[in-house]
Structures are given as structure tokens and as C-alpha cells.
Amino acid sequence: MSNLKSEVISRRKALSLLGLATLGLTVPATVLTVLDAEAQAQQPAPAAPVTGTERRQERRTGRVKRRTGRRAARRKGRAERGELRREGGEEKGSKEKK
């Protein structure tokens, strides 16, 4: 007759078999997604600064340009208001009583 042995499987063995079965099902799906990702065309990186120092310097340069623009606009506004006062003209927002 046949010699069949029936063994009691421990919980540890049962869980390891279950884990291996799960791993066997997930690996092919992972491999497929990796292959799909490799098949997609690589997007060229935008021409941006590479190092943090360069990015910081660009931010600072931008801030300085914006600041000088605001200061120039304020100077221009002050000069215009001063001219109006010297000429005796009426300023914006002021109303003379008659």
C-alpha cells in the first residue's frame, strides 16, 4: 500500500506558505508595472538650476528685481505728488471746499 504520512502543520508553516503564495501572485504584477514604466518615454528635465545654491540665488535675484521695481514706482509716485503740490494742483482724493 502507499505510505502516506499525515503531518500536523504548525501555524508558522501555514503562515509562511500563505505568504509565499501571496508573494508569488504579486511579483508578476510588480514586474509588469516596472516594465510598463520603463517603456514610457522619459520626460526631459526642465532647464532648471541643479543645486540648491543656484535655486536660492535665483530666488534672491527675483526678489531684488521685484523690490527695485516697487521702490521705483514709489519714487515716481512721490515725485508726481510733489510736482502737483508745487504747482498748486489738486491731489487725488482731496476735495476743496468752496
PDB file of N, CA and C in Angstrom:
ATOM      1  N   MET A   1       0.812  -1.164   0.000  1.00  0.00           N
ATOM      2  CA  MET A   1       0.000   0.000   0.000  1.00  0.00           C
ATOM      3  C   MET A   1       0.865   1.241   0.000  1.00  0.00           C
ATOM      4  N   SER A   2       0.266   2.377  -0.113  1.00  0.00           N
ATOM      5  CA  SER A   2       1.043   3.608  -0.180  1.00  0.00           C
ATOM      6  C   SER A   2       1.376   4.073   1.228  1.00  0.00           C
ATOM      7  N   ASN A   3       2.501   4.703   1.284  1.00  0.00           N
ATOM      8  CA  ASN A   3       2.949   5.219   2.576  1.00  0.00           C
ATOM      9  C   ASN A   3       2.682   6.725   2.648  1.00  0.00           C
ATOM     10  N   LEU A   4       1.493   7.082   3.013  1.00  0.00           N
ATOM     11  CA  LEU A   4       1.133   8.479   3.160  1.00  0.00           C
ATOM     12  C   LEU A   4       1.315   8.871   4.615  1.00  0.00           C
ATOM     13  N   LYS A   5       2.047   9.956   4.777  1.00  0.00           N
ATOM     14  CA  LYS A   5       2.219  10.474   6.130  1.00  0.00           C
ATOM     15  C   LYS A   5       1.362  11.715   6.282  1.00  0.00           C
ATOM     16  N   SER A   6       0.621  11.719   7.295  1.00  0.00           N
ATOM     17  CA  SER A   6      -0.136  12.934   7.562  1.00  0.00           C
ATOM     18  C   SER A   6       0.551  13.636   8.718  1.00  0.00           C
ATOM     19  N   GLU A   7       0.987  14.852   8.422  1.00  0.00           N
ATOM     20  CA  GLU A   7       1.650  15.636   9.456  1.00  0.00           C
ATOM     21  C   GLU A   7       0.751  16.788   9.868  1.00  0.00           C
ATOM     22  N   VAL A   8       0.914  17.175  11.055  1.00  0.00           N
ATOM     23  CA  VAL A   8       0.205  18.346  11.531  1.00  0.00           C
ATOM     24  C   VAL A   8       1.061  19.554  11.149  1.00  0.00           C
ATOM     25  N   ILE A   9       0.435  20.491  10.477  1.00  0.00           N
ATOM     26  CA  ILE A   9       1.166  21.679  10.047  1.00  0.00           C
ATOM     27  C   ILE A   9       1.027  22.735  11.138  1.00  0.00           C
ATOM     28  N   SER A  10       2.170  23.287  11.506  1.00  0.00           N
ATOM     29  CA  SER A  10       2.146  24.318  12.545  1.00  0.00           C
ATOM     30  C   SER A  10       1.651  25.634  11.943  1.00  0.00           C
ATOM     31  N   ARG A  11       1.256  26.524  12.832  1.00  0.00           N
ATOM     32  CA  ARG A  11       0.793  27.835  12.367  1.00  0.00           C
ATOM     33  C   ARG A  11       1.899  28.569  11.624  1.00  0.00           C
ATOM     34  N   ARG A  12       3.114  28.433  12.094  1.00  0.00           N
ATOM     35  CA  ARG A  12       4.241  29.101  11.455  1.00  0.00           C
ATOM     36  C   ARG A  12       4.412  28.629  10.020  1.00  0.00           C
ATOM     37  N   LYS A  13       4.318  27.343   9.799  1.00  0.00           N
ATOM     38  CA  LYS A  13       4.453  26.801   8.434  1.00  0.00           C
ATOM     39  C   LYS A  13       3.285  27.230   7.555  1.00  0.00           C
ATOM     40  N   ALA A  14       2.084  27.232   8.121  1.00  0.00           N
ATOM     41  CA  ALA A  14       0.904  27.625   7.352  1.00  0.00           C
ATOM     42  C   ALA A  14       1.002  29.088   6.934  1.00  0.00           C
ATOM     43  N   LEU A  15       1.426  29.949   7.839  1.00  0.00           N
ATOM     44  CA  LEU A  15       1.555  31.357   7.508  1.00  0.00           C
ATOM     45  C   LEU A  15       2.669  31.592   6.487  1.00  0.00           C
ATOM     46  N   SER A  16       3.762  30.842   6.600  1.00  0.00           N
ATOM     47  CA  SER A  16       4.838  31.021   5.625  1.00  0.00           C
ATOM     48  C   SER A  16       4.390  30.552   4.244  1.00  0.00           C
ATOM     49  N   LEU A  17       3.618  29.473   4.163  1.00  0.00           N
ATOM     50  CA  LEU A  17       3.095  29.021   2.870  1.00  0.00           C
ATOM     51  C   LEU A  17       2.131  30.058   2.287  1.00  0.00           C
ATOM     52  N   LEU A  18       1.296  30.637   3.137  1.00  0.00           N
ATOM     53  CA  LEU A  18       0.363  31.666   2.692  1.00  0.00           C
ATOM     54  C   LEU A  18       1.123  32.899   2.192  1.00  0.00           C
ATOM     55  N   GLY A  19       2.171  33.272   2.902  1.00  0.00           N
ATOM     56  CA  GLY A  19       2.987  34.405   2.496  1.00  0.00           C
ATOM     57  C   GLY A  19       3.679  34.156   1.167  1.00  0.00           C
ATOM     58  N   LEU A  20       4.201  32.956   0.981  1.00  0.00           N
ATOM     59  CA  LEU A  20       4.857  32.621  -0.283  1.00  0.00           C
ATOM     60  C   LEU A  20       3.870  32.626  -1.439  1.00  0.00           C
ATOM     61  N   ALA A  21       2.659  32.148  -1.189  1.00  0.00           N
ATOM     62  CA  ALA A  21       1.641  32.148  -2.241  1.00  0.00           C
ATOM     63  C   ALA A  21       1.271  33.581  -2.622  1.00  0.00           C
ATOM     64  N   THR A  22       1.129  34.437  -1.636  1.00  0.00           N
ATOM     65  CA  THR A  22       0.810  35.843  -1.897  1.00  0.00           C
ATOM     66  C   THR A  22       1.944  36.511  -2.651  1.00  0.00           C
ATOM     67  N   LEU A  23       3.154  36.244  -2.237  1.00  0.00           N
ATOM     68  CA  LEU A  23       4.326  36.807  -2.912  1.00  0.00           C
ATOM     69  C   LEU A  23       4.399  36.330  -4.360  1.00  0.00           C
ATOM     70  N   GLY A  24       4.063  35.074  -4.587  1.00  0.00           N
ATOM     71  CA  GLY A  24       4.075  34.533  -5.946  1.00  0.00           C
ATOM     72  C   GLY A  24       3.060  35.211  -6.848  1.00  0.00           C
ATOM     73  N   LEU A  25       1.958  35.680  -6.287  1.00  0.00           N
ATOM     74  CA  LEU A  25       0.948  36.368  -7.089  1.00  0.00           C
ATOM     75  C   LEU A  25       1.300  37.836  -7.332  1.00  0.00           C
ATOM     76  N   THR A  26       1.966  38.466  -6.377  1.00  0.00           N
ATOM     77  CA  THR A  26       2.245  39.896  -6.512  1.00  0.00           C
ATOM     78  C   THR A  26       3.486  40.177  -7.339  1.00  0.00           C
ATOM     79  N   VAL A  27       4.451  39.286  -7.369  1.00  0.00           N
ATOM     80  CA  VAL A  27       5.696  39.533  -8.111  1.00  0.00           C
ATOM     81  C   VAL A  27       5.437  39.715  -9.602  1.00  0.00           C
ATOM     82  N   PRO A  28       4.643  38.868 -10.264  1.00  0.00           N
ATOM     83  CA  PRO A  28       4.415  39.101 -11.691  1.00  0.00           C
ATOM     84  C   PRO A  28       3.739  40.451 -11.968  1.00  0.00           C
ATOM     85  N   ALA A  29       2.830  40.879 -11.104  1.00  0.00           N
ATOM     86  CA  ALA A  29       2.177  42.174 -11.305  1.00  0.00           C
ATOM     87  C   ALA A  29       3.182  43.302 -11.150  1.00  0.00           C
ATOM     88  N   THR A  30       4.086  43.171 -10.184  1.00  0.00           N
ATOM     89  CA  THR A  30       5.110  44.191  -9.982  1.00  0.00           C
ATOM     90  C   THR A  30       6.047  44.250 -11.168  1.00  0.00           C
ATOM     91  N   VAL A  31       6.431  43.111 -11.684  1.00  0.00           N
ATOM     92  CA  VAL A  31       7.333  43.070 -12.835  1.00  0.00           C
ATOM     93  C   VAL A  31       6.675  43.722 -14.041  1.00  0.00           C
ATOM     94  N   LEU A  32       5.388  43.479 -14.229  1.00  0.00           N
ATOM     95  CA  LEU A  32       4.687  44.087 -15.349  1.00  0.00           C
ATOM     96  C   LEU A  32       4.620  45.601 -15.223  1.00  0.00           C
ATOM     97  N   THR A  33       4.355  46.097 -14.029  1.00  0.00           N
ATOM     98  CA  THR A  33       4.280  47.551 -13.872  1.00  0.00           C
ATOM     99  C   THR A  33       5.645  48.187 -14.059  1.00  0.00           C
ATOM    100  N   VAL A  34       6.702  47.509 -13.641  1.00  0.00           N
ATOM    101  CA  VAL A  34       8.044  48.043 -13.830  1.00  0.00           C
ATOM    102  C   VAL A  34       8.375  48.081 -15.318  1.00  0.00           C
ATOM    103  N   LEU A  35       8.001  47.029 -16.043  1.00  0.00           N
ATOM    104  CA  LEU A  35       8.276  47.010 -17.478  1.00  0.00           C
ATOM    105  C   LEU A  35       7.478  48.094 -18.193  1.00  0.00           C
ATOM    106  N   ASP A  36       6.231  48.330 -17.772  1.00  0.00           N
ATOM    107  CA  ASP A  36       5.437  49.403 -18.369  1.00  0.00           C
ATOM    108  C   ASP A  36       6.064  50.758 -18.102  1.00  0.00           C
ATOM    109  N   ALA A  37       6.570  50.939 -16.899  1.00  0.00           N
ATOM    110  CA  ALA A  37       7.184  52.224 -16.554  1.00  0.00           C
ATOM    111  C   ALA A  37       8.439  52.456 -17.386  1.00  0.00           C
ATOM    112  N   GLU A  38       9.205  51.404 -17.634  1.00  0.00           N
ATOM    113  CA  GLU A  38      10.411  51.556 -18.449  1.00  0.00           C
ATOM    114  C   GLU A  38      10.058  51.847 -19.899  1.00  0.00           C
ATOM    115  N   ALA A  39       8.912  51.347 -20.354  1.00  0.00           N
ATOM    116  CA  ALA A  39       8.529  51.534 -21.743  1.00  0.00           C
ATOM    117  C   ALA A  39       8.077  52.964 -22.023  1.00  0.00           C
ATOM    118  N   GLN A  40       7.636  53.686 -20.994  1.00  0.00           N
ATOM    119  CA  GLN A  40       7.202  55.058 -21.202  1.00  0.00           C
ATOM    120  C   GLN A  40       8.410  55.934 -21.510  1.00  0.00           C
ATOM    121  N   ALA A  41       8.179  56.935 -22.345  1.00  0.00           N
ATOM    122  CA  ALA A  41       9.262  57.836 -22.723  1.00  0.00           C
ATOM    123  C   ALA A  41       9.661  58.690 -21.531  1.00  0.00           C
ATOM    124  N   GLN A  42      10.935  58.894 -21.378  1.00  0.00           N
ATOM    125  CA  GLN A  42      11.446  59.731 -20.314  1.00  0.00           C
ATOM    126  C   GLN A  42      11.245  61.195 -20.678  1.00  0.00           C
ATOM    127  N   GLN A  43      10.661  61.954 -19.763  1.00  0.00           N
ATOM    128  CA  GLN A  43      10.456  63.376 -19.984  1.00  0.00           C
ATOM    129  C   GLN A  43      11.771  64.102 -19.702  1.00  0.00           C
ATOM    130  N   PRO A  44      12.202  64.956 -20.622  1.00  0.00           N
ATOM    131  CA  PRO A  44      13.429  65.696 -20.331  1.00  0.00           C
ATOM    132  C   PRO A  44      13.192  66.675 -19.192  1.00  0.00           C
ATOM    133  N   ALA A  45      14.160  66.795 -18.333  1.00  0.00           N
ATOM    134  CA  ALA A  45      14.029  67.696 -17.199  1.00  0.00           C
ATOM    135  C   ALA A  45      14.069  69.139 -17.681  1.00  0.00           C
ATOM    136  N   PRO A  46      13.265  70.003 -17.086  1.00  0.00           N
ATOM    137  CA  PRO A  46      13.292  71.406 -17.500  1.00  0.00           C
ATOM    138  C   PRO A  46      14.644  72.023 -17.177  1.00  0.00           C
ATOM    139  N   ALA A  47      14.986  73.056 -17.902  1.00  0.00           N
ATOM    140  CA  ALA A  47      16.274  73.710 -17.700  1.00  0.00           C
ATOM    141  C   ALA A  47      16.210  74.529 -16.421  1.00  0.00           C
ATOM    142  N   ALA A  48      16.330  73.835 -15.309  1.00  0.00           N
ATOM    143  CA  ALA A  48      16.275  74.484 -14.009  1.00  0.00           C
ATOM    144  C   ALA A  48      17.625  74.305 -13.325  1.00  0.00           C
ATOM    145  N   PRO A  49      17.926  75.170 -12.394  1.00  0.00           N
ATOM    146  CA  PRO A  49      19.192  75.017 -11.674  1.00  0.00           C
ATOM    147  C   PRO A  49      19.234  73.680 -10.956  1.00  0.00           C
ATOM    148  N   VAL A  50      20.401  73.126 -10.888  1.00  0.00           N
ATOM    149  CA  VAL A  50      20.545  71.797 -10.324  1.00  0.00           C
ATOM    150  C   VAL A  50      20.765  71.865  -8.817  1.00  0.00           C
ATOM    151  N   THR A  51      21.618  72.761  -8.377  1.00  0.00           N
ATOM    152  CA  THR A  51      21.957  72.759  -6.963  1.00  0.00           C
ATOM    153  C   THR A  51      21.047  73.694  -6.188  1.00  0.00           C
ATOM    154  N   GLY A  52      20.971  73.462  -4.905  1.00  0.00           N
ATOM    155  CA  GLY A  52      20.162  74.307  -4.044  1.00  0.00           C
ATOM    156  C   GLY A  52      20.673  75.732  -3.995  1.00  0.00           C
ATOM    157  N   THR A  53      21.991  75.878  -4.074  1.00  0.00           N
ATOM    158  CA  THR A  53      22.577  77.219  -4.040  1.00  0.00           C
ATOM    159  C   THR A  53      22.125  78.027  -5.246  1.00  0.00           C
ATOM    160  N   GLU A  54      22.079  77.394  -6.410  1.00  0.00           N
ATOM    161  CA  GLU A  54      21.650  78.110  -7.613  1.00  0.00           C
ATOM    162  C   GLU A  54      20.182  78.502  -7.522  1.00  0.00           C
ATOM    163  N   ARG A  55      19.346  77.600  -7.011  1.00  0.00           N
ATOM    164  CA  ARG A  55      17.926  77.925  -6.851  1.00  0.00           C
ATOM    165  C   ARG A  55      17.756  79.092  -5.881  1.00  0.00           C
ATOM    166  N   ARG A  56      18.502  79.070  -4.800  1.00  0.00           N
ATOM    167  CA  ARG A  56      18.420  80.142  -3.819  1.00  0.00           C
ATOM    168  C   ARG A  56      18.839  81.466  -4.438  1.00  0.00           C
ATOM    169  N   GLN A  57      19.900  81.429  -5.204  1.00  0.00           N
ATOM    170  CA  GLN A  57      20.384  82.658  -5.831  1.00  0.00           C
ATOM    171  C   GLN A  57      19.351  83.212  -6.809  1.00  0.00           C
ATOM    172  N   GLU A  58      18.681  82.340  -7.546  1.00  0.00           N
ATOM    173  CA  GLU A  58      17.642  82.810  -8.470  1.00  0.00           C
ATOM    174  C   GLU A  58      16.477  83.428  -7.718  1.00  0.00           C
ATOM    175  N   ARG A  59      16.096  82.827  -6.596  1.00  0.00           N
ATOM    176  CA  ARG A  59      15.017  83.404  -5.795  1.00  0.00           C
ATOM    177  C   ARG A  59      15.406  84.784  -5.284  1.00  0.00           C
ATOM    178  N   ARG A  60      16.632  84.901  -4.795  1.00  0.00           N
ATOM    179  CA  ARG A  60      17.089  86.187  -4.277  1.00  0.00           C
ATOM    180  C   ARG A  60      17.125  87.235  -5.376  1.00  0.00           C
ATOM    181  N   THR A  61      17.607  86.854  -6.555  1.00  0.00           N
ATOM    182  CA  THR A  61      17.663  87.794  -7.673  1.00  0.00           C
ATOM    183  C   THR A  61      16.268  88.267  -8.043  1.00  0.00           C
ATOM    184  N   GLY A  62      15.320  87.352  -8.078  1.00  0.00           N
ATOM    185  CA  GLY A  62      13.936  87.711  -8.385  1.00  0.00           C
ATOM    186  C   GLY A  62      13.360  88.669  -7.356  1.00  0.00           C
ATOM    187  N   ARG A  63      13.652  88.407  -6.074  1.00  0.00           N
ATOM    188  CA  ARG A  63      13.151  89.301  -5.026  1.00  0.00           C
ATOM    189  C   ARG A  63      13.730  90.695  -5.166  1.00  0.00           C
ATOM    190  N   VAL A  64      15.022  90.782  -5.468  1.00  0.00           N
ATOM    191  CA  VAL A  64      15.667  92.094  -5.608  1.00  0.00           C
ATOM    192  C   VAL A  64      15.053  92.852  -6.773  1.00  0.00           C
ATOM    193  N   LYS A  65      14.803  92.164  -7.890  1.00  0.00           N
ATOM    194  CA  LYS A  65      14.202  92.833  -9.052  1.00  0.00           C
ATOM    195  C   LYS A  65      12.811  93.353  -8.722  1.00  0.00           C
ATOM    196  N   ARG A  66      12.010  92.532  -8.038  1.00  0.00           N
ATOM    197  CA  ARG A  66      10.666  92.974  -7.673  1.00  0.00           C
ATOM    198  C   ARG A  66      10.723  94.160  -6.708  1.00  0.00           C
ATOM    199  N   ARG A  67      11.643  94.080  -5.751  1.00  0.00           N
ATOM    200  CA  ARG A  67      11.780  95.154  -4.771  1.00  0.00           C
ATOM    201  C   ARG A  67      12.189  96.458  -5.434  1.00  0.00           C
ATOM    202  N   THR A  68      13.155  96.410  -6.341  1.00  0.00           N
ATOM    203  CA  THR A  68      13.588  97.644  -7.005  1.00  0.00           C
ATOM    204  C   THR A  68      12.467  98.212  -7.862  1.00  0.00           C
ATOM    205  N   GLY A  69      11.667  97.348  -8.459  1.00  0.00           N
ATOM    206  CA  GLY A  69      10.518  97.823  -9.233  1.00  0.00           C
ATOM    207  C   GLY A  69       9.515  98.552  -8.358  1.00  0.00           C
ATOM    208  N   ARG A  70       9.237  97.983  -7.174  1.00  0.00           N
ATOM    209  CA  ARG A  70       8.304  98.645  -6.249  1.00  0.00           C
ATOM    210  C   ARG A  70       8.859  99.981  -5.765  1.00  0.00           C
ATOM    211  N   ARG A  71      10.145 100.001  -5.450  1.00  0.00           N
ATOM    212  CA  ARG A  71      10.758 101.250  -4.974  1.00  0.00           C
ATOM    213  C   ARG A  71      10.727 102.328  -6.054  1.00  0.00           C
ATOM    214  N   ALA A  72      11.007 101.928  -7.295  1.00  0.00           N
ATOM    215  CA  ALA A  72      10.982 102.905  -8.389  1.00  0.00           C
ATOM    216  C   ALA A  72       9.574 103.461  -8.571  1.00  0.00           C
ATOM    217  N   ALA A  73       8.561 102.596  -8.449  1.00  0.00           N
ATOM    218  CA  ALA A  73       7.183 103.056  -8.590  1.00  0.00           C
ATOM    219  C   ALA A  73       6.826 104.027  -7.468  1.00  0.00           C
ATOM    220  N   ARG A  74       7.295 103.739  -6.244  1.00  0.00           N
ATOM    221  CA  ARG A  74       7.028 104.656  -5.136  1.00  0.00           C
ATOM    222  C   ARG A  74       7.701 106.001  -5.363  1.00  0.00           C
ATOM    223  N   ARG A  75       8.961 105.966  -5.828  1.00  0.00           N
ATOM    224  CA  ARG A  75       9.680 107.219  -6.100  1.00  0.00           C
ATOM    225  C   ARG A  75       8.953 108.050  -7.147  1.00  0.00           C
ATOM    226  N   LYS A  76       8.490 107.353  -8.182  1.00  0.00           N
ATOM    227  CA  LYS A  76       7.788 108.049  -9.261  1.00  0.00           C
ATOM    228  C   LYS A  76       6.503 108.687  -8.730  1.00  0.00           C
ATOM    229  N   GLY A  77       5.766 107.941  -7.920  1.00  0.00           N
ATOM    230  CA  GLY A  77       4.530 108.465  -7.342  1.00  0.00           C
ATOM    231  C   GLY A  77       4.788 109.657  -6.442  1.00  0.00           C
ATOM    232  N   ARG A  78       5.854 109.565  -5.628  1.00  0.00           N
ATOM    233  CA  ARG A  78       6.187 110.688  -4.751  1.00  0.00           C
ATOM    234  C   ARG A  78       6.540 111.922  -5.563  1.00  0.00           C
ATOM    235  N   ALA A  79       7.331 111.723  -6.619  1.00  0.00           N
ATOM    236  CA  ALA A  79       7.735 112.853  -7.462  1.00  0.00           C
ATOM    237  C   ALA A  79       6.510 113.506  -8.104  1.00  0.00           C
ATOM    238  N   GLU A  80       5.576 112.684  -8.578  1.00  0.00           N
ATOM    239  CA  GLU A  80       4.362 113.233  -9.203  1.00  0.00           C
ATOM    240  C   GLU A  80       3.532 114.017  -8.195  1.00  0.00           C
ATOM    241  N   ARG A  81       3.396 113.475  -6.991  1.00  0.00           N
ATOM    242  CA  ARG A  81       2.630 114.179  -5.967  1.00  0.00           C
ATOM    243  C   ARG A  81       3.323 115.474  -5.553  1.00  0.00           C
ATOM    244  N   GLY A  82       4.659 115.448  -5.492  1.00  0.00           N
ATOM    245  CA  GLY A  82       5.405 116.658  -5.157  1.00  0.00           C
ATOM    246  C   GLY A  82       5.214 117.734  -6.213  1.00  0.00           C
ATOM    247  N   GLU A  83       5.231 117.336  -7.471  1.00  0.00           N
ATOM    248  CA  GLU A  83       5.002 118.300  -8.563  1.00  0.00           C
ATOM    249  C   GLU A  83       3.620 118.917  -8.447  1.00  0.00           C
ATOM    250  N   LEU A  84       2.633 118.104  -8.147  1.00  0.00           N
ATOM    251  CA  LEU A  84       1.273 118.619  -8.003  1.00  0.00           C
ATOM    252  C   LEU A  84       1.193 119.641  -6.873  1.00  0.00           C
ATOM    253  N   ARG A  85       1.878 119.338  -5.762  1.00  0.00           N
ATOM    254  CA  ARG A  85       1.862 120.272  -4.635  1.00  0.00           C
ATOM    255  C   ARG A  85       2.555 121.576  -4.994  1.00  0.00           C
ATOM    256  N   ARG A  86       3.700 121.476  -5.692  1.00  0.00           N
ATOM    257  CA  ARG A  86       4.439 122.678  -6.070  1.00  0.00           C
ATOM    258  C   ARG A  86       3.648 123.534  -7.045  1.00  0.00           C
ATOM    259  N   GLU A  87       2.930 122.879  -7.952  1.00  0.00           N
ATOM    260  CA  GLU A  87       2.138 123.617  -8.939  1.00  0.00           C
ATOM    261  C   GLU A  87       0.843 124.143  -8.344  1.00  0.00           C
ATOM    262  N   GLY A  88       0.492 123.658  -7.174  1.00  0.00           N
ATOM    263  CA  GLY A  88      -0.749 124.085  -6.553  1.00  0.00           C
ATOM    264  C   GLY A  88      -1.947 123.321  -7.079  1.00  0.00           C
ATOM    265  N   GLY A  89      -1.687 122.204  -7.735  1.00  0.00           N
ATOM    266  CA  GLY A  89      -2.779 121.400  -8.276  1.00  0.00           C
ATOM    267  C   GLY A  89      -3.465 120.606  -7.188  1.00  0.00           C
ATOM    268  N   GLU A  90      -4.524 119.974  -7.567  1.00  0.00           N
ATOM    269  CA  GLU A  90      -5.307 119.195  -6.624  1.00  0.00           C
ATOM    270  C   GLU A  90      -4.798 117.763  -6.609  1.00  0.00           C
ATOM    271  N   GLU A  91      -4.596 117.215  -5.430  1.00  0.00           N
ATOM    272  CA  GLU A  91      -4.142 115.828  -5.305  1.00  0.00           C
ATOM    273  C   GLU A  91      -5.332 114.890  -5.428  1.00  0.00           C
ATOM    274  N   LYS A  92      -5.009 113.645  -5.675  1.00  0.00           N
ATOM    275  CA  LYS A  92      -6.061 112.631  -5.719  1.00  0.00           C
ATOM    276  C   LYS A  92      -6.683 112.504  -4.338  1.00  0.00           C
ATOM    277  N   GLY A  93      -7.976 112.416  -4.304  1.00  0.00           N
ATOM    278  CA  GLY A  93      -8.651 112.162  -3.053  1.00  0.00           C
ATOM    279  C   GLY A  93      -8.916 113.388  -2.215  1.00  0.00           C
ATOM    280  N   SER A  94      -8.280 114.491  -2.505  1.00  0.00           N
ATOM    281  CA  SER A  94      -8.544 115.685  -1.694  1.00  0.00           C
ATOM    282  C   SER A  94      -9.623 116.523  -2.361  1.00  0.00           C
ATOM    283  N   LYS A  95     -10.507 117.046  -1.564  1.00  0.00           N
ATOM    284  CA  LYS A  95     -11.610 117.833  -2.099  1.00  0.00           C
ATOM    285  C   LYS A  95     -11.566 119.220  -1.452  1.00  0.00           C
ATOM    286  N   GLU A  96     -11.567 120.212  -2.270  1.00  0.00           N
ATOM    287  CA  GLU A  96     -11.554 121.585  -1.745  1.00  0.00           C
ATOM    288  C   GLU A  96     -12.979 122.019  -1.437  1.00  0.00           C
ATOM    289  N   LYS A  97     -13.100 122.750  -0.357  1.00  0.00           N
ATOM    290  CA  LYS A  97     -14.415 123.303  -0.002  1.00  0.00           C
ATOM    291  C   LYS A  97     -14.541 124.677  -0.615  1.00  0.00           C
ATOM    292  N   LYS A  98     -15.676 124.981  -1.212  1.00  0.00           N
ATOM    293  CA  LYS A  98     -15.903 126.286  -1.843  1.00  0.00           C
ATOM    294  C   LYS A  98     -16.978 127.030  -1.151  1.00  0.00           C
TER     295      LYS A  98
END
